Amino acid sequence: MRKTILLIFVGLMMLIGCASYSSYNKYSTNDVAIQNRRLPSGYPTLLISSQGPQLDPQFYDIMGGLTSVVDSVTVFENHCRGAIEMLRYEARSIGADAVINLDCGSGTFGAKASGMAIFFKNREEALKTLEEIKAVLR
């Protein structure tokens, strides 16, 4: 009798685990016009946190806005990390050098991240300036 109850319990836990994995949802979007998109540069896309100093607008051009959403029924994940990585992926796919005004809101079962995709007018100069102002990069 105890073995039967234990097996049923284990089976139910496996079923719940599989159901929670299958309901994992993540996606990202952008509002960048086709003419503003570029080929990926081969360099990693920088994420400049809004919690630190920002790069002066003279060093970049704005491509457009980015948004990502990650939903999951498990509370054991860092949802913002997943949403920010989806944002990085979206920025890379449109050829952005960096994302500014990075923001992430996390709930119990998901997160939503947003930011502005930019490309540098002069990459070396922009990176030097980011280092000088001690910008918070992710």
Protein backbone atom coordinates (compact mmCIF):
# COMPACT_ATOMS: atom_id res chain seq x y z
CA MET A 1 0.00 0.00 0.00
CA ARG A 2 2.79 2.46 0.93
CA LYS A 3 4.72 1.63 -2.23
CA THR A 4 1.64 2.28 -4.35
CA ILE A 5 1.03 5.67 -2.71
CA LEU A 6 4.72 6.56 -3.06
CA LEU A 7 4.73 5.61 -6.76
CA ILE A 8 1.58 7.63 -7.40
CA PHE A 9 3.11 10.61 -5.58
CA VAL A 10 6.35 10.38 -7.59
CA GLY A 11 4.36 10.03 -10.82
CA LEU A 12 2.30 13.12 -10.02
CA MET A 13 5.43 15.13 -9.22
CA MET A 14 6.96 14.13 -12.56
CA LEU A 15 3.76 15.09 -14.35
CA ILE A 16 3.69 18.50 -12.63
CA GLY A 17 7.36 19.06 -13.48
CA CYS A 18 6.79 18.24 -17.14
CA ALA A 19 3.73 20.49 -17.28
CA SER A 20 5.64 23.43 -15.79
CA TYR A 21 8.47 22.97 -18.29
CA SER A 22 6.10 22.87 -21.23
CA SER A 23 4.40 26.12 -20.17
CA TYR A 24 7.67 28.07 -20.27
CA ASN A 25 7.18 31.00 -22.64
CA LYS A 26 9.73 33.53 -23.86
CA TYR A 27 9.81 35.97 -26.74
CA SER A 28 11.33 39.26 -27.81
CA THR A 29 10.27 42.01 -30.22
CA ASN A 30 11.59 45.26 -31.61
CA ASP A 31 10.23 48.33 -33.34
CA VAL A 32 13.33 48.99 -35.44
CA ALA A 33 12.57 50.02 -39.02
CA ILE A 34 14.02 47.82 -41.75
CA GLN A 35 16.26 50.62 -43.05
CA ASN A 36 17.79 51.05 -39.57
CA ARG A 37 18.84 47.39 -39.22
CA ARG A 38 22.41 46.34 -39.77
CA LEU A 39 24.38 43.13 -40.06
CA PRO A 40 25.76 41.84 -36.73
CA SER A 41 29.26 43.21 -36.17
CA GLY A 42 30.87 40.15 -34.62
CA TYR A 43 31.38 41.99 -31.34
CA PRO A 44 29.24 41.13 -28.31
CA THR A 45 26.22 43.37 -27.80
CA LEU A 46 26.71 45.55 -24.72
CA LEU A 47 23.94 46.13 -22.20
CA ILE A 48 24.31 49.51 -20.49
CA SER A 49 22.34 49.51 -17.27
CA SER A 50 20.16 52.51 -16.47
CA GLN A 51 21.44 52.32 -12.88
CA GLY A 52 24.76 53.94 -13.82
CA PRO A 53 26.10 56.77 -15.94
CA GLN A 54 24.87 56.83 -19.54
CA LEU A 55 26.79 57.38 -22.74
CA ASP A 56 26.43 60.84 -24.27
CA PRO A 57 24.14 60.82 -27.36
CA GLN A 58 26.95 62.24 -29.52
CA PHE A 59 28.55 58.76 -29.58
CA TYR A 60 25.60 56.78 -30.97
CA ASP A 61 22.51 56.71 -33.14
CA ILE A 62 19.23 55.21 -31.90
CA MET A 63 17.89 52.27 -33.87
CA GLY A 64 14.64 51.67 -31.94
CA GLY A 65 13.01 50.02 -28.96
CA LEU A 66 13.34 46.41 -27.79
CA THR A 67 11.12 44.34 -25.50
CA SER A 68 11.38 40.79 -24.17
CA VAL A 69 9.11 38.70 -21.97
CA VAL A 70 9.85 35.50 -20.05
CA ASP A 71 7.03 33.57 -18.35
CA SER A 72 7.38 30.39 -16.34
CA VAL A 73 5.44 28.68 -13.58
CA THR A 74 8.53 27.98 -11.51
CA VAL A 75 9.74 30.49 -8.93
CA PHE A 76 13.24 28.99 -8.71
CA GLU A 77 14.63 30.99 -11.66
CA ASN A 78 15.99 34.47 -12.00
CA HIS A 79 13.42 35.68 -14.53
CA CYS A 80 15.14 39.02 -15.19
CA ARG A 81 18.32 37.27 -16.27
CA GLY A 82 16.37 35.34 -18.91
CA ALA A 83 14.49 38.43 -20.12
CA ILE A 84 17.72 40.45 -20.39
CA GLU A 85 19.44 37.67 -22.33
CA MET A 86 16.46 37.60 -24.72
CA LEU A 87 16.90 41.37 -25.12
CA ARG A 88 20.60 40.87 -25.93
CA TYR A 89 19.66 38.25 -28.53
CA GLU A 90 17.09 40.57 -30.12
CA ALA A 91 19.58 43.45 -30.23
CA ARG A 92 22.22 41.24 -31.83
CA SER A 93 19.76 40.02 -34.47
CA ILE A 94 19.17 43.59 -35.72
CA GLY A 95 22.86 44.55 -35.63
CA ALA A 96 22.83 46.80 -32.53
CA ASP A 97 26.13 47.54 -30.80
CA ALA A 98 24.50 48.14 -27.42
CA VAL A 99 21.25 48.53 -25.51
CA ILE A 100 20.69 51.63 -23.37
CA ASN A 101 17.94 52.52 -20.88
CA LEU A 102 17.87 48.86 -19.89
CA ASP A 103 15.02 48.10 -17.52
CA CYS A 104 13.63 44.84 -16.17
CA GLY A 105 10.55 44.24 -14.05
CA SER A 106 10.22 40.84 -12.43
CA GLY A 107 7.12 39.21 -11.02
CA THR A 108 6.55 35.89 -9.28
CA PHE A 109 6.31 33.91 -12.49
CA GLY A 110 7.99 36.03 -15.14
CA ALA A 111 9.76 39.20 -16.19
CA LYS A 112 9.62 41.88 -18.86
CA ALA A 113 12.73 43.72 -20.04
CA SER A 114 12.97 46.73 -22.33
CA GLY A 115 15.61 49.03 -23.74
CA MET A 116 16.75 51.11 -26.71
CA ALA A 117 18.96 49.57 -29.40
CA ILE A 118 21.84 51.80 -30.54
CA PHE A 119 24.83 51.61 -32.84
CA PHE A 120 28.07 53.43 -32.20
CA LYS A 121 29.28 56.13 -34.57
CA ASN A 122 32.86 55.22 -33.57
CA ARG A 123 33.11 51.98 -31.58
CA GLU A 124 36.60 52.55 -30.11
CA GLU A 125 35.77 56.06 -28.95
CA ALA A 126 32.45 54.97 -27.43
CA LEU A 127 34.06 52.06 -25.54
CA LYS A 128 36.78 54.35 -24.23
CA THR A 129 34.16 56.84 -23.00
CA LEU A 130 32.11 54.06 -21.35
CA GLU A 131 35.23 52.96 -19.46
CA GLU A 132 36.02 56.54 -18.41
CA ILE A 133 32.56 57.25 -17.04
CA LYS A 134 32.46 53.82 -15.35
CA ALA A 135 29.17 52.81 -16.95
CA VAL A 136 27.46 49.70 -15.52
CA LEU A 137 27.68 47.07 -18.25
CA ARG A 138 25.99 43.67 -18.24
